[in-house]
Protein backbone atom coordinates (compact mmCIF):
# COMPACT_ATOMS: atom_id res chain seq x y z
CA UNK A 1 170.06 85.99 -48.54
CA UNK A 2 168.66 89.80 -47.46
CA UNK A 3 168.40 91.72 -50.65
CA UNK A 4 170.48 94.69 -51.58
CA UNK A 5 168.70 98.06 -51.56
CA UNK A 6 169.39 98.71 -55.15
CA UNK A 7 166.76 95.56 -55.52
CA UNK A 8 163.99 96.94 -53.65
CA UNK A 9 161.55 98.84 -56.09
CA UNK A 10 161.37 102.57 -55.18
CA UNK A 11 157.71 102.61 -54.29
CA UNK A 12 159.15 99.91 -50.86
CA UNK A 13 161.51 103.26 -50.05
CA UNK A 14 161.43 105.98 -48.26
CA UNK A 15 163.44 109.45 -50.08
CA UNK A 16 165.04 111.07 -47.88
CA UNK A 17 165.80 113.47 -50.64
CA UNK A 18 162.32 115.41 -49.44
CA UNK A 19 164.48 116.30 -46.00
CA UNK A 20 167.78 117.43 -48.21
CA UNK A 21 168.03 116.71 -51.99
CA UNK A 22 172.04 115.47 -51.99
CA UNK A 23 175.02 115.79 -49.32
CA UNK A 24 175.70 119.00 -50.48
CA UNK A 25 172.61 120.51 -49.28
CA UNK A 26 173.33 119.14 -46.03
CA UNK A 27 176.51 120.77 -45.57
CA UNK A 28 174.68 123.56 -46.39
CA UNK A 29 172.25 123.39 -43.34
CA UNK A 30 175.11 121.78 -41.34
CA UNK A 31 177.24 125.36 -41.92
CA UNK A 32 174.04 127.69 -41.26
CA UNK A 33 173.75 125.61 -38.10
CA UNK A 34 177.36 126.29 -37.25
CA UNK A 35 176.97 129.74 -38.04
CA UNK A 36 173.84 130.54 -35.60
CA UNK A 37 175.45 128.39 -33.08
CA UNK A 38 178.43 130.82 -33.33
CA UNK A 39 176.52 133.79 -33.06
CA UNK A 40 174.31 132.33 -29.98
CA UNK A 41 176.70 133.43 -27.25
CA UNK A 42 175.67 137.20 -27.74
CA UNK A 43 172.55 136.38 -26.02
CA UNK A 44 174.68 135.80 -22.83
CA UNK A 45 175.18 139.12 -22.04
CA UNK A 46 171.30 140.24 -23.18
CA UNK A 47 168.68 137.46 -22.80
CA UNK A 48 167.45 139.30 -19.68
CA UNK A 49 167.20 142.88 -20.48
CA UNK A 50 164.23 143.11 -21.86
CA UNK A 51 160.79 141.26 -23.34
CA UNK A 52 162.78 141.44 -26.53
CA UNK A 53 165.93 140.41 -25.80
CA UNK A 54 164.07 137.37 -24.21
CA UNK A 55 162.38 136.58 -27.10
CA UNK A 56 165.02 136.69 -29.14
CA UNK A 57 167.26 134.44 -27.44
CA UNK A 58 164.60 131.89 -26.92
CA UNK A 59 164.01 132.10 -30.77
CA UNK A 60 167.56 131.99 -32.03
CA UNK A 61 167.78 128.66 -29.78
CA UNK A 62 164.58 127.04 -30.95
CA UNK A 63 165.64 128.27 -34.20
CA UNK A 64 169.16 125.59 -33.55
CA UNK A 65 167.43 122.97 -32.24
CA UNK A 66 165.53 122.95 -35.59
CA UNK A 67 167.92 122.96 -37.40
CA UNK A 68 170.06 120.54 -35.61
CA UNK A 69 167.07 118.04 -35.81
CA UNK A 70 166.09 117.94 -39.18
CA UNK A 71 170.02 117.44 -39.64
CA UNK A 72 169.72 114.08 -37.47
CA UNK A 73 166.69 113.07 -39.27
CA UNK A 74 168.56 112.90 -42.45
CA UNK A 75 171.91 111.60 -40.86
CA UNK A 76 169.95 108.64 -38.83
CA UNK A 77 167.62 107.59 -40.89
CA UNK A 78 170.17 106.90 -43.73
CA UNK A 79 172.00 105.00 -41.45
CA UNK A 80 169.48 103.04 -40.73
CA UNK A 81 169.00 101.28 -44.00
CA UNK A 82 172.59 101.12 -44.75
CA UNK A 83 174.42 100.93 -41.18
CA UNK A 84 177.61 99.35 -43.09
CA UNK A 85 178.10 102.91 -44.34
CA UNK A 86 180.78 104.96 -42.94
CA UNK A 87 179.95 108.12 -44.80
CA UNK A 88 176.70 107.68 -43.02
CA UNK A 89 177.98 106.93 -39.95
CA UNK A 90 180.14 110.19 -39.67
CA UNK A 91 177.11 112.13 -40.77
CA UNK A 92 176.02 110.77 -37.95
CA UNK A 93 178.78 111.79 -35.62
CA UNK A 94 179.02 114.97 -37.06
CA UNK A 95 175.55 115.92 -35.98
CA UNK A 96 176.09 114.71 -32.55
CA UNK A 97 178.95 116.70 -31.92
CA UNK A 98 176.99 119.51 -33.43
CA UNK A 99 174.26 118.97 -30.48
CA UNK A 100 176.84 118.96 -28.19
CA UNK A 101 178.68 122.27 -29.43
CA UNK A 102 175.17 123.77 -29.24
CA UNK A 103 174.21 122.70 -25.70
CA UNK A 104 177.77 124.05 -24.40
CA UNK A 105 177.12 127.29 -26.35
CA UNK A 106 173.71 127.83 -25.22
CA UNK A 107 174.46 126.93 -21.48
CA UNK A 108 173.07 129.66 -20.06
CA UNK A 109 169.24 129.83 -21.10
CA UNK A 110 167.63 128.33 -18.32
CA UNK A 111 169.73 129.45 -15.50
CA UNK A 112 169.58 132.83 -16.66
CA UNK A 113 165.50 132.25 -17.11
CA UNK A 114 165.15 130.86 -13.75
CA UNK A 115 166.78 134.38 -12.49
CA UNK A 116 163.44 135.99 -13.47
CA UNK A 117 160.88 136.53 -10.98
CA UNK A 118 157.26 135.73 -12.08
CA UNK A 119 156.28 139.13 -12.03
CA UNK A 120 158.92 140.47 -14.68
CA UNK A 121 157.74 137.70 -16.72
CA UNK A 122 154.10 138.80 -16.52
CA UNK A 123 154.81 142.03 -17.58
CA UNK A 124 157.26 140.73 -20.36
CA UNK A 125 154.70 138.50 -22.19
CA UNK A 126 152.08 141.33 -21.95
CA UNK A 127 154.64 144.03 -23.35
CA UNK A 128 155.76 141.02 -25.80
CA UNK A 129 152.96 138.91 -27.53
CA UNK A 130 155.05 137.25 -29.61
CA UNK A 131 156.30 135.42 -26.35
CA UNK A 132 152.90 133.75 -25.78
CA UNK A 133 154.29 130.97 -27.81
CA UNK A 134 157.22 130.23 -25.49
CA UNK A 135 154.84 130.31 -22.67
CA UNK A 136 154.79 126.43 -22.21
CA UNK A 137 158.67 126.19 -22.36
CA UNK A 138 159.18 128.97 -19.77
CA UNK A 139 156.50 127.63 -17.64
CA UNK A 140 158.55 124.18 -17.39
CA UNK A 141 161.56 125.83 -17.08
CA UNK A 142 160.76 127.21 -14.05
CA UNK A 143 159.90 124.33 -12.46
CA UNK A 144 163.77 123.49 -11.87
CA UNK A 145 164.16 126.71 -10.11
CA UNK A 146 164.74 124.97 -6.85
CA UNK A 147 167.04 122.39 -8.62
CA UNK A 148 169.31 124.81 -10.56
CA UNK A 149 172.97 125.28 -9.51
CA UNK A 150 175.33 128.03 -9.73
CA UNK A 151 176.16 129.47 -13.21
CA UNK A 152 179.79 127.86 -12.72
CA UNK A 153 178.49 124.75 -11.95
CA UNK A 154 175.74 124.58 -14.62
CA UNK A 155 178.61 125.60 -17.36
CA UNK A 156 180.08 122.78 -15.66
CA UNK A 157 177.35 120.29 -15.96
CA UNK A 158 176.72 121.44 -19.66
CA UNK A 159 180.31 120.25 -20.38
CA UNK A 160 180.40 116.98 -18.60
CA UNK A 161 176.86 116.10 -20.70
CA UNK A 162 178.62 114.27 -22.90
CA UNK A 163 180.59 111.97 -20.42
CA UNK A 164 177.92 111.23 -18.34
CA UNK A 165 175.66 107.89 -18.83
CA UNK A 166 178.82 106.46 -20.51
CA UNK A 167 178.08 102.98 -18.45
CA UNK A 168 175.51 102.35 -21.44
CA UNK A 169 178.37 103.08 -23.78
CA UNK A 170 180.45 100.49 -22.28
CA UNK A 171 177.67 97.86 -21.19
CA UNK A 172 176.08 98.08 -25.07
CA UNK A 173 179.83 97.81 -26.50
CA UNK A 174 180.45 94.57 -23.90
CA UNK A 175 177.23 92.92 -24.79
CA UNK A 176 176.94 93.29 -28.29
CA UNK A 177 180.37 92.77 -29.23
CA UNK A 178 182.90 91.02 -26.30
CA UNK A 179 180.43 88.61 -25.20
CA UNK A 180 179.94 84.93 -26.93
CA UNK A 181 176.98 82.68 -25.81
CA UNK A 182 178.79 79.64 -27.52
CA UNK A 183 176.73 77.13 -29.93
CA UNK A 184 173.54 75.50 -29.10
CA UNK A 185 171.87 72.63 -31.58
CA UNK A 186 168.47 73.98 -33.22
CA UNK A 187 165.59 72.07 -33.69
CA UNK A 188 167.42 70.82 -37.82
CA UNK A 189 170.06 69.08 -35.39
CA UNK A 190 172.77 71.86 -36.54
CA UNK A 191 175.00 73.53 -34.50
CA UNK A 192 174.19 77.42 -34.54
CA UNK A 193 175.92 80.18 -33.04
CA UNK A 194 173.73 81.94 -30.18
CA UNK A 195 173.80 85.54 -29.61
CA UNK A 196 171.44 87.86 -27.71
CA UNK A 197 169.61 88.73 -30.74
CA UNK A 198 168.63 85.42 -31.79
CA UNK A 199 168.03 84.23 -28.04
CA UNK A 200 164.53 84.93 -27.80
CA UNK A 201 163.34 83.70 -31.65
CA UNK A 202 165.37 79.99 -29.95
CA UNK A 203 162.79 80.61 -26.93
CA UNK A 204 159.81 80.35 -29.41
CA UNK A 205 160.76 77.51 -30.91
CA UNK A 206 158.48 75.00 -30.52
CA UNK A 207 161.43 72.49 -29.67
CA UNK A 208 161.76 72.30 -25.82
CA UNK A 209 165.00 71.02 -25.78
CA UNK A 210 166.44 74.13 -28.13
CA UNK A 211 164.30 76.76 -25.81
CA UNK A 212 166.18 74.72 -22.44
CA UNK A 213 169.40 74.80 -24.62
CA UNK A 214 169.45 78.22 -25.31
CA UNK A 215 168.12 79.29 -21.74
CA UNK A 216 171.13 77.85 -19.88
CA UNK A 217 173.92 78.58 -22.57
CA UNK A 218 173.04 82.42 -22.28
CA UNK A 219 172.59 82.61 -18.49
CA UNK A 220 176.05 80.50 -18.25
CA UNK A 221 177.33 83.61 -20.10
CA UNK A 222 176.07 86.14 -18.29
CA UNK A 223 176.65 84.50 -14.54
CA UNK A 224 180.66 84.74 -15.44
CA UNK A 225 180.42 88.15 -15.94
CA UNK A 226 178.36 88.75 -12.84
CA UNK A 227 180.88 91.09 -10.82
CA UNK A 228 181.34 93.30 -14.29
CA UNK A 229 178.09 94.05 -14.62
CA UNK A 230 177.22 94.48 -11.46
CA UNK A 231 179.97 97.12 -11.70
CA UNK A 232 178.66 99.20 -14.73
CA UNK A 233 175.36 99.16 -13.08
CA UNK A 234 176.05 99.89 -10.04
CA UNK A 235 178.08 103.11 -11.33
CA UNK A 236 175.25 104.00 -13.20
CA UNK A 237 172.69 104.01 -10.46
CA UNK A 238 175.31 105.72 -8.14
CA UNK A 239 175.73 108.25 -10.51
CA UNK A 240 172.12 109.04 -11.11
CA UNK A 241 170.98 109.15 -7.54
CA UNK A 242 174.12 111.37 -6.77
CA UNK A 243 172.89 113.83 -9.30
CA UNK A 244 169.75 113.91 -8.14
CA UNK A 245 170.49 114.75 -4.67
CA UNK A 246 173.33 117.30 -6.35
CA UNK A 247 170.15 119.02 -7.86
CA UNK A 248 167.95 119.09 -4.33
CA UNK A 249 165.58 115.99 -5.14
CA UNK A 250 164.56 113.65 -2.57
CA UNK A 251 166.13 110.56 -4.53
CA UNK A 252 166.85 109.40 -8.02
CA UNK A 253 162.86 108.53 -8.93
CA UNK A 254 161.89 112.01 -7.81
CA UNK A 255 164.22 113.32 -10.06
CA UNK A 256 163.06 111.40 -13.31
CA UNK A 257 159.49 111.57 -12.86
CA UNK A 258 159.65 115.15 -12.08
CA UNK A 259 161.55 115.43 -15.90
CA UNK A 260 158.08 113.40 -16.83
CA UNK A 261 155.73 115.73 -15.15
CA UNK A 262 154.14 113.53 -12.70
CA UNK A 263 155.28 112.18 -9.43
CA UNK A 264 156.43 108.77 -8.07
CA UNK A 265 152.92 108.45 -6.81
CA UNK A 266 151.68 107.47 -10.27
CA UNK A 267 154.67 105.08 -10.43
CA UNK A 268 154.12 103.27 -7.22
CA UNK A 269 149.86 102.99 -8.21
CA UNK A 270 150.97 101.48 -11.51
CA UNK A 271 152.99 98.79 -8.96
CA UNK A 272 150.83 98.14 -6.57
CA UNK A 273 147.87 97.63 -9.06
CA UNK A 274 149.97 95.58 -10.98
CA UNK A 275 150.51 93.18 -7.89
CA UNK A 276 146.97 92.93 -7.24
CA UNK A 277 146.41 91.88 -11.03
CA UNK A 278 148.82 88.99 -10.81
CA UNK A 279 146.16 86.33 -9.94
CA UNK A 280 145.40 87.17 -13.70
CA UNK A 281 149.29 86.23 -14.61
CA UNK A 282 149.22 83.01 -13.08
CA UNK A 283 146.02 82.10 -15.10
CA UNK A 284 147.88 83.01 -18.63
CA UNK A 285 151.06 80.75 -17.55
CA UNK A 286 148.55 78.09 -15.87
CA UNK A 287 146.81 78.07 -19.48
CA UNK A 288 150.06 77.92 -20.93
CA UNK A 289 151.70 75.05 -19.17
CA UNK A 290 147.94 73.47 -20.23
CA UNK A 291 148.30 73.97 -24.01
CA UNK A 292 152.02 73.07 -23.99
CA UNK A 293 151.04 69.92 -22.28
CA UNK A 294 154.00 69.81 -19.85
CA UNK A 295 153.91 68.41 -16.59
CA UNK A 296 156.16 71.89 -15.25
CA UNK A 297 156.24 75.29 -16.81
CA UNK A 298 159.83 76.62 -16.89
CA UNK A 299 161.24 79.73 -17.38
CA UNK A 300 162.26 78.95 -20.69
CA UNK A 301 158.89 77.97 -21.42
CA UNK A 302 157.57 81.57 -21.27
CA UNK A 303 157.96 82.56 -24.76
CA UNK A 304 156.99 79.25 -26.30
CA UNK A 305 154.07 79.48 -29.25
CA UNK A 306 150.63 78.67 -27.97
CA UNK A 307 149.93 78.01 -31.11
CA UNK A 308 151.78 77.39 -34.90
CA UNK A 309 152.11 80.31 -36.74
CA UNK A 310 148.50 81.24 -38.79
CA UNK A 311 149.20 80.46 -42.40
CA UNK A 312 147.81 83.55 -43.76
CA UNK A 313 150.22 85.91 -45.83
CA UNK A 314 149.34 89.45 -46.46
CA UNK A 315 151.24 91.81 -49.07
CA UNK A 316 152.54 94.91 -48.26
CA UNK A 317 149.59 96.47 -49.68
CA UNK A 318 147.06 94.07 -47.91
CA UNK A 319 148.62 95.54 -44.52
CA UNK A 320 148.32 98.91 -45.68
CA UNK A 321 144.39 98.30 -46.43
CA UNK A 322 144.12 96.42 -43.21
CA UNK A 323 145.75 99.35 -41.20
CA UNK A 324 143.61 102.09 -43.20
CA UNK A 325 140.73 99.92 -42.29
CA UNK A 326 141.28 100.10 -38.75
CA UNK A 327 141.48 103.94 -38.89
CA UNK A 328 138.58 104.90 -40.58
CA UNK A 329 136.63 105.36 -37.45
CA UNK A 330 138.95 108.31 -36.61
CA UNK A 331 137.47 110.63 -39.39
CA UNK A 332 138.50 112.20 -42.57
CA UNK A 333 141.70 114.06 -41.86
CA UNK A 334 143.23 111.29 -40.13
CA UNK A 335 142.60 108.61 -42.26
CA UNK A 336 143.55 110.68 -45.47
CA UNK A 337 146.94 111.78 -44.11
CA UNK A 338 147.80 108.08 -43.33
CA UNK A 339 146.29 107.23 -46.68
CA UNK A 340 148.51 109.87 -48.42
CA UNK A 341 151.69 109.14 -46.44
CA UNK A 342 151.65 105.31 -46.95
CA UNK A 343 150.64 105.01 -50.61
CA UNK A 344 151.82 108.63 -51.96
CA UNK A 345 154.40 110.47 -49.93
CA UNK A 346 156.95 107.49 -49.20
CA UNK A 347 156.59 107.32 -45.40
CA UNK A 348 157.39 103.81 -44.98
CA UNK A 349 160.93 101.85 -45.85
CA UNK A 350 159.36 98.31 -46.07
CA UNK A 351 161.61 95.30 -46.34
CA UNK A 352 164.66 94.26 -45.17
CA UNK A 353 167.83 94.58 -46.86
CA UNK A 354 171.86 93.91 -46.20
CA UNK A 355 172.97 96.20 -43.73
CA UNK A 356 169.34 97.77 -42.71
CA UNK A 357 168.62 98.04 -38.99
CA UNK A 358 166.56 95.47 -37.71
CA UNK A 359 163.37 95.98 -36.02
CA UNK A 360 161.06 99.08 -36.60
CA UNK A 361 160.10 102.55 -35.65
CA UNK A 362 158.76 106.08 -36.62
CA UNK A 363 160.68 109.18 -36.62
CA UNK A 364 160.20 112.38 -37.80
CA UNK A 365 160.39 116.25 -36.97
CA UNK A 366 158.75 119.77 -38.21
CA UNK A 367 159.63 120.51 -41.57
CA UNK A 368 160.14 115.96 -42.31
CA UNK A 369 157.52 113.65 -43.42
CA UNK A 370 157.05 111.02 -39.93
CA UNK A 371 159.01 107.99 -42.02
CA UNK A 372 158.19 104.66 -40.48
CA UNK A 373 161.16 101.62 -41.05
CA UNK A 374 160.06 98.42 -40.95
CA UNK A 375 161.39 94.77 -42.16
CA UNK A 376 158.20 93.13 -43.65
CA UNK A 377 157.88 89.64 -43.87
CA UNK A 378 154.00 89.44 -44.48
CA UNK A 379 152.70 87.79 -41.20
CA UNK A 380 149.84 89.25 -38.91
CA UNK A 381 152.50 90.54 -36.49
CA UNK A 382 154.13 92.75 -39.64
CA UNK A 383 150.45 94.02 -39.99
CA UNK A 384 150.23 94.89 -36.45
CA UNK A 385 153.90 96.49 -36.68
CA UNK A 386 152.36 98.94 -39.56
CA UNK A 387 149.67 99.84 -37.49
CA UNK A 388 151.32 100.54 -34.61
CA UNK A 389 154.07 102.81 -36.24
CA UNK A 390 151.55 104.41 -38.25
CA UNK A 391 149.71 105.59 -35.01
CA UNK A 392 153.15 106.80 -33.74
CA UNK A 393 153.61 108.91 -37.53
CA UNK A 394 149.93 110.17 -37.05
CA UNK A 395 150.51 111.46 -33.52
CA UNK A 396 153.53 113.67 -35.26
CA UNK A 397 151.57 114.31 -37.81
CA UNK A 398 148.98 116.34 -35.64
CA UNK A 399 151.58 117.30 -32.66
CA UNK A 400 153.58 119.14 -35.60
CA UNK A 401 150.36 120.22 -37.63
CA UNK A 402 149.18 122.29 -34.91
CA UNK A 403 151.65 123.11 -32.48
CA UNK A 404 154.85 125.57 -33.11
CA UNK A 405 157.88 123.64 -33.69
CA UNK A 406 159.01 123.97 -30.12
CA UNK A 407 155.88 122.92 -28.54
CA UNK A 408 155.68 119.69 -30.66
CA UNK A 409 157.67 117.16 -29.29
CA UNK A 410 155.24 114.93 -27.65
CA UNK A 411 157.02 113.00 -24.47
CA UNK A 412 157.82 109.92 -23.37
CA UNK A 413 155.21 109.48 -21.07
CA UNK A 414 152.33 109.49 -23.98
CA UNK A 415 154.52 108.43 -27.00
CA UNK A 416 153.50 104.89 -26.80
CA UNK A 417 149.73 105.52 -26.17
CA UNK A 418 148.65 106.52 -30.06
CA UNK A 419 150.56 103.63 -31.55
CA UNK A 420 149.44 101.00 -29.02
CA UNK A 421 145.20 102.04 -29.68
CA UNK A 422 145.92 101.25 -33.35
CA UNK A 423 147.33 97.93 -32.97
CA UNK A 424 144.87 97.23 -29.67
CA UNK A 425 142.16 98.56 -32.17
CA UNK A 426 143.32 96.24 -35.11
CA UNK A 427 143.54 93.46 -32.91
CA UNK A 428 140.02 93.64 -31.85
CA UNK A 429 138.81 94.28 -35.55
CA UNK A 430 140.30 90.95 -36.16
CA UNK A 431 138.98 89.04 -33.47
CA UNK A 432 135.45 90.30 -34.43
CA UNK A 433 136.08 89.46 -38.07
CA UNK A 434 137.79 85.81 -37.64
CA UNK A 435 135.74 83.05 -39.63
CA UNK A 436 137.86 80.04 -37.55
CA UNK A 437 138.79 79.21 -33.91
CA UNK A 438 142.37 78.59 -34.76
CA UNK A 439 142.60 82.42 -35.97
CA UNK A 440 140.42 83.88 -33.02
CA UNK A 441 143.35 81.91 -30.74
CA UNK A 442 145.93 83.26 -32.97
CA UNK A 443 144.43 86.99 -32.35
CA UNK A 444 143.91 86.35 -28.63
CA UNK A 445 147.38 84.98 -28.41
CA UNK A 446 148.50 88.41 -30.19
CA UNK A 447 147.03 90.24 -27.82
CA UNK A 448 147.94 88.21 -24.55
CA UNK A 449 151.62 88.47 -25.73
CA UNK A 450 151.40 92.27 -25.97
CA UNK A 451 149.95 92.87 -22.45
CA UNK A 452 152.08 89.91 -20.50
CA UNK A 453 155.15 91.69 -22.83
CA UNK A 454 154.26 95.44 -21.89
CA UNK A 455 152.11 95.45 -18.72
CA UNK A 456 153.53 93.04 -16.36
CA UNK A 457 156.77 92.68 -17.61
CA UNK A 458 157.88 96.03 -17.64
CA UNK A 459 156.44 96.98 -14.21
CA UNK A 460 158.61 93.83 -12.50
CA UNK A 461 161.19 95.70 -14.38
CA UNK A 462 160.23 99.25 -12.83
CA UNK A 463 159.68 97.80 -9.84
CA UNK A 464 163.07 96.11 -9.40
CA UNK A 465 164.42 99.65 -10.90
CA UNK A 466 162.77 101.70 -7.88
CA UNK A 467 164.35 99.03 -5.45
CA UNK A 468 167.61 99.06 -6.58
CA UNK A 469 168.21 102.98 -6.47
CA UNK A 470 166.39 102.94 -3.10
CA UNK A 471 169.23 100.51 -1.87
CA UNK A 472 171.68 102.25 -3.01
CA UNK A 473 170.75 105.71 -1.92
CA UNK A 474 170.44 104.01 1.55
CA UNK A 475 174.30 103.33 0.99
CA UNK A 476 174.04 99.76 0.08
CA UNK A 477 176.75 98.56 -2.93
CA UNK A 478 174.95 96.50 -5.82
CA UNK A 479 176.85 93.84 -5.69
CA UNK A 480 176.49 90.61 -8.02
CA UNK A 481 175.09 88.80 -5.27
CA UNK A 482 172.89 91.07 -3.76
CA UNK A 483 171.15 91.94 -7.57
CA UNK A 484 170.82 88.30 -8.72
CA UNK A 485 169.22 87.82 -5.15
CA UNK A 486 166.53 90.64 -5.48
CA UNK A 487 165.89 89.94 -8.82
CA UNK A 488 165.42 86.19 -8.49
CA UNK A 489 163.04 86.85 -5.26
CA UNK A 490 161.09 89.48 -7.81
CA UNK A 491 160.59 87.19 -10.90
CA UNK A 492 159.29 84.36 -8.16
CA UNK A 493 156.62 87.23 -7.20
CA UNK A 494 155.73 87.60 -10.73
CA UNK A 495 155.46 84.17 -11.95
CA UNK A 496 153.47 82.56 -8.94
CA UNK A 497 154.15 79.60 -7.00
CA UNK A 498 153.27 77.21 -10.23
CA UNK A 499 156.06 78.20 -12.58
CA UNK A 500 159.81 76.50 -12.03
CA UNK A 501 161.92 79.50 -11.46
CA UNK A 502 164.89 78.27 -12.92
CA UNK A 503 168.02 79.92 -11.17
CA UNK A 504 169.38 81.12 -14.11
CA UNK A 505 167.16 83.67 -14.49
CA UNK A 506 168.50 85.68 -11.43
CA UNK A 507 171.23 87.12 -14.31
CA UNK A 508 168.43 88.25 -16.46
CA UNK A 509 168.63 91.95 -15.07
CA UNK A 510 172.18 91.75 -16.94
CA UNK A 511 171.01 91.53 -20.15
CA UNK A 512 168.44 94.69 -19.88
CA UNK A 513 169.75 97.73 -21.28
CA UNK A 514 166.57 99.86 -20.29
CA UNK A 515 167.93 99.85 -16.56
CA UNK A 516 171.03 102.03 -17.61
CA UNK A 517 167.86 104.54 -19.33
CA UNK A 518 166.75 104.91 -15.59
CA UNK A 519 163.11 105.16 -14.81
CA UNK A 520 162.19 104.76 -18.12
CA UNK A 521 160.19 101.45 -18.84
CA UNK A 522 157.61 101.86 -16.40
CA UNK A 523 156.10 104.26 -19.68
CA UNK A 524 155.66 101.29 -21.38
CA UNK A 525 153.01 100.25 -18.79
CA UNK A 526 151.25 103.08 -18.12
CA UNK A 527 151.01 103.88 -21.97
CA UNK A 528 149.18 100.26 -22.33
CA UNK A 529 147.00 101.28 -19.48
CA UNK A 530 145.91 104.61 -21.26
CA UNK A 531 145.45 103.26 -24.77
CA UNK A 532 143.24 100.12 -23.30
CA UNK A 533 140.98 102.87 -21.77
CA UNK A 534 140.80 104.82 -25.04
CA UNK A 535 140.23 101.85 -26.97
CA UNK A 536 137.34 101.18 -24.83
CA UNK A 537 135.82 104.28 -25.10
CA UNK A 538 136.39 104.38 -28.82
CA UNK A 539 134.49 100.97 -29.32
CA UNK A 540 131.92 101.60 -27.11
CA UNK A 541 131.43 105.57 -27.77
CA UNK A 542 132.25 106.25 -31.36
CA UNK A 543 132.13 109.65 -33.09
CA UNK A 544 130.87 110.94 -29.77
CA UNK A 545 134.59 109.95 -28.38
CA UNK A 546 136.95 110.10 -31.32
CA UNK A 547 136.98 114.36 -31.77
CA UNK A 548 138.38 113.91 -28.27
CA UNK A 549 140.81 111.62 -29.10
CA UNK A 550 141.98 113.38 -31.77
CA UNK A 551 142.22 116.75 -29.52
CA UNK A 552 144.73 114.46 -27.33
CA UNK A 553 146.93 113.77 -30.90
CA UNK A 554 146.74 117.33 -31.41
CA UNK A 555 148.47 118.66 -27.97
CA UNK A 556 151.80 117.71 -28.70
CA UNK A 557 153.61 119.35 -25.88
CA UNK A 558 151.48 121.97 -25.39
CA UNK A 559 150.22 120.75 -22.31
CA UNK A 560 152.11 118.57 -19.80
CA UNK A 561 151.51 114.53 -20.40
CA UNK A 562 148.83 114.12 -17.80
CA UNK A 563 146.93 117.22 -19.10
CA UNK A 564 147.11 116.08 -22.38
CA UNK A 565 145.69 112.55 -21.50
CA UNK A 566 143.11 114.18 -19.85
CA UNK A 567 141.77 115.81 -23.03
CA UNK A 568 141.06 112.67 -24.04
CA UNK A 569 139.32 111.73 -20.71
CA UNK A 570 142.19 109.66 -19.10
CA UNK A 571 143.28 110.12 -15.73
CA UNK A 572 146.29 108.58 -15.16
CA UNK A 573 146.41 109.02 -11.57
CA UNK A 574 143.31 107.04 -11.31
CA UNK A 575 144.42 103.40 -10.64
CA UNK A 576 141.28 102.34 -12.21
CA UNK A 577 143.03 102.77 -15.32
CA UNK A 578 145.31 100.56 -15.07
CA UNK A 579 142.96 97.85 -12.96
CA UNK A 580 140.88 98.41 -16.93
CA UNK A 581 144.10 97.41 -18.47
CA UNK A 582 144.60 94.05 -16.27
CA UNK A 583 140.90 93.32 -17.07
CA UNK A 584 141.44 93.36 -20.37
CA UNK A 585 144.12 91.16 -20.08
CA UNK A 586 142.11 88.72 -18.27
CA UNK A 587 139.03 88.43 -20.44
CA UNK A 588 141.63 87.46 -23.48
CA UNK A 589 143.08 84.28 -21.33
CA UNK A 590 139.02 83.92 -20.34
CA UNK A 591 138.62 83.90 -24.13
CA UNK A 592 141.18 81.61 -25.08
CA UNK A 593 140.80 79.09 -22.60
CA UNK A 594 137.13 79.12 -23.48
CA UNK A 595 137.83 78.67 -27.14
CA UNK A 596 140.40 76.29 -26.96
CA UNK A 597 138.55 73.89 -24.19
CA UNK A 598 135.78 73.82 -26.67
CA UNK A 599 137.94 72.79 -29.75
CA UNK A 600 139.15 69.92 -27.15
CA UNK A 601 136.03 68.91 -26.71
């Protein structure tokens, strides 16, 4: 039974009064934001008159964004630890509405900026030195000049913003609230309700009957609603493809990668490299089949544990020690800041409690701490999660410390790099310290699962998205029959000829919410590839390279994501970055095989 929040010691809970001491302070700031938003309309007539007017508009806009972001942190973090609290739900809704209002009032900023020519802007940067802080923002926005509509259309698009993408909300409500998957018999012989959230834990059961039952029951339900899911997905893809065309992009993938400041070349290079690296994945599944001792390896065996859970349990204090030991190599500033955050400043909300959001995340902005939510239970996987989220938090720490607020928000394209670097470094260190073959196999299994799930699986999803959008752009209706057929063919490619691709896996696309945040998942795969390359350099070059890596963390949004990674010496246009990650995965498979076979002799 989950503990109540009041039963948890304060040292294991974050203290959000650091953001606002109470709700009165929150509402005082909220009122300030409303006034700033109401006053912002004055800039519509003056923004492009002079360098000073231009600076004032950008400065006031970023001030509004900063206040809203801080309000959002307070509301969303409170809600995350008590999702049953109606008051926190209301605070979240109020901040969302405030953000929509701000977007509506400031609709003119980007289109008006794009009216300015390069000569005028250069003169203004010279005339008003304070403008220099906005050069990166201006440069990013000017890229959109060929893709900007008339003032009337841009204003209309701004008003429609809250309606676009509603397919994701519909899918979420339908999947999480309305679908029922029935009951299965668990390993103890008890009838239990199957849900989308407990599905994967059942697939990780050591009892093959349970895995098979969960697999078949879940997809039996999804199969019944194939037409509904296809309609939702087709509508979302058509919306995205249409918006890309309206803004003058060749296609939706070009539009999405343009937003990431990359091109489809990066996307396609990833897929091509992973295709060449599929033999390593086939070896992994052959290894799983051997260890599990099954004559045929089915889709419901994919998540089955290769080894039993390792008995070692870590107290939270021991987990902090493990993380700090891992990051010692980064030097004093990183180590000391993280140590203070984890032990003095209350960055982490540690234990699961009733009504608390599941999983883990890091969230912060200028003006707040980089908070971490955990649901800690003492396993090594939980220790690794703390290292991962600490990587996010320290990326935020360096980004906000070394940049103005409006240049501190690093993009999703690099967001998983620092966290994965920490995760991999910890696993490598623990592997070197292992005192038994069983522990080595446990760590290697963790590493293999990380690469399999992040590099290969996310790339498979990315390929599916690319192909579905391309079909839509050719005028092909995305029916359930077509999507099922295409997805099943793709699964067979990624799992290889020796894995039994049960027919039910054709419906898996229905349960992947990321497909409604178009062209998002490929960034998981590029991030783990970059992280693998960085870890190798840290381990091989030590302090000589670490400063370069820390400089990458300091970039924030002061550079494009590709240029930021170049600061760390990582060129994501080079396919060898992805190839290196594939080789790291293959090395883990080989090591596991050698140790396992040696133990059987």
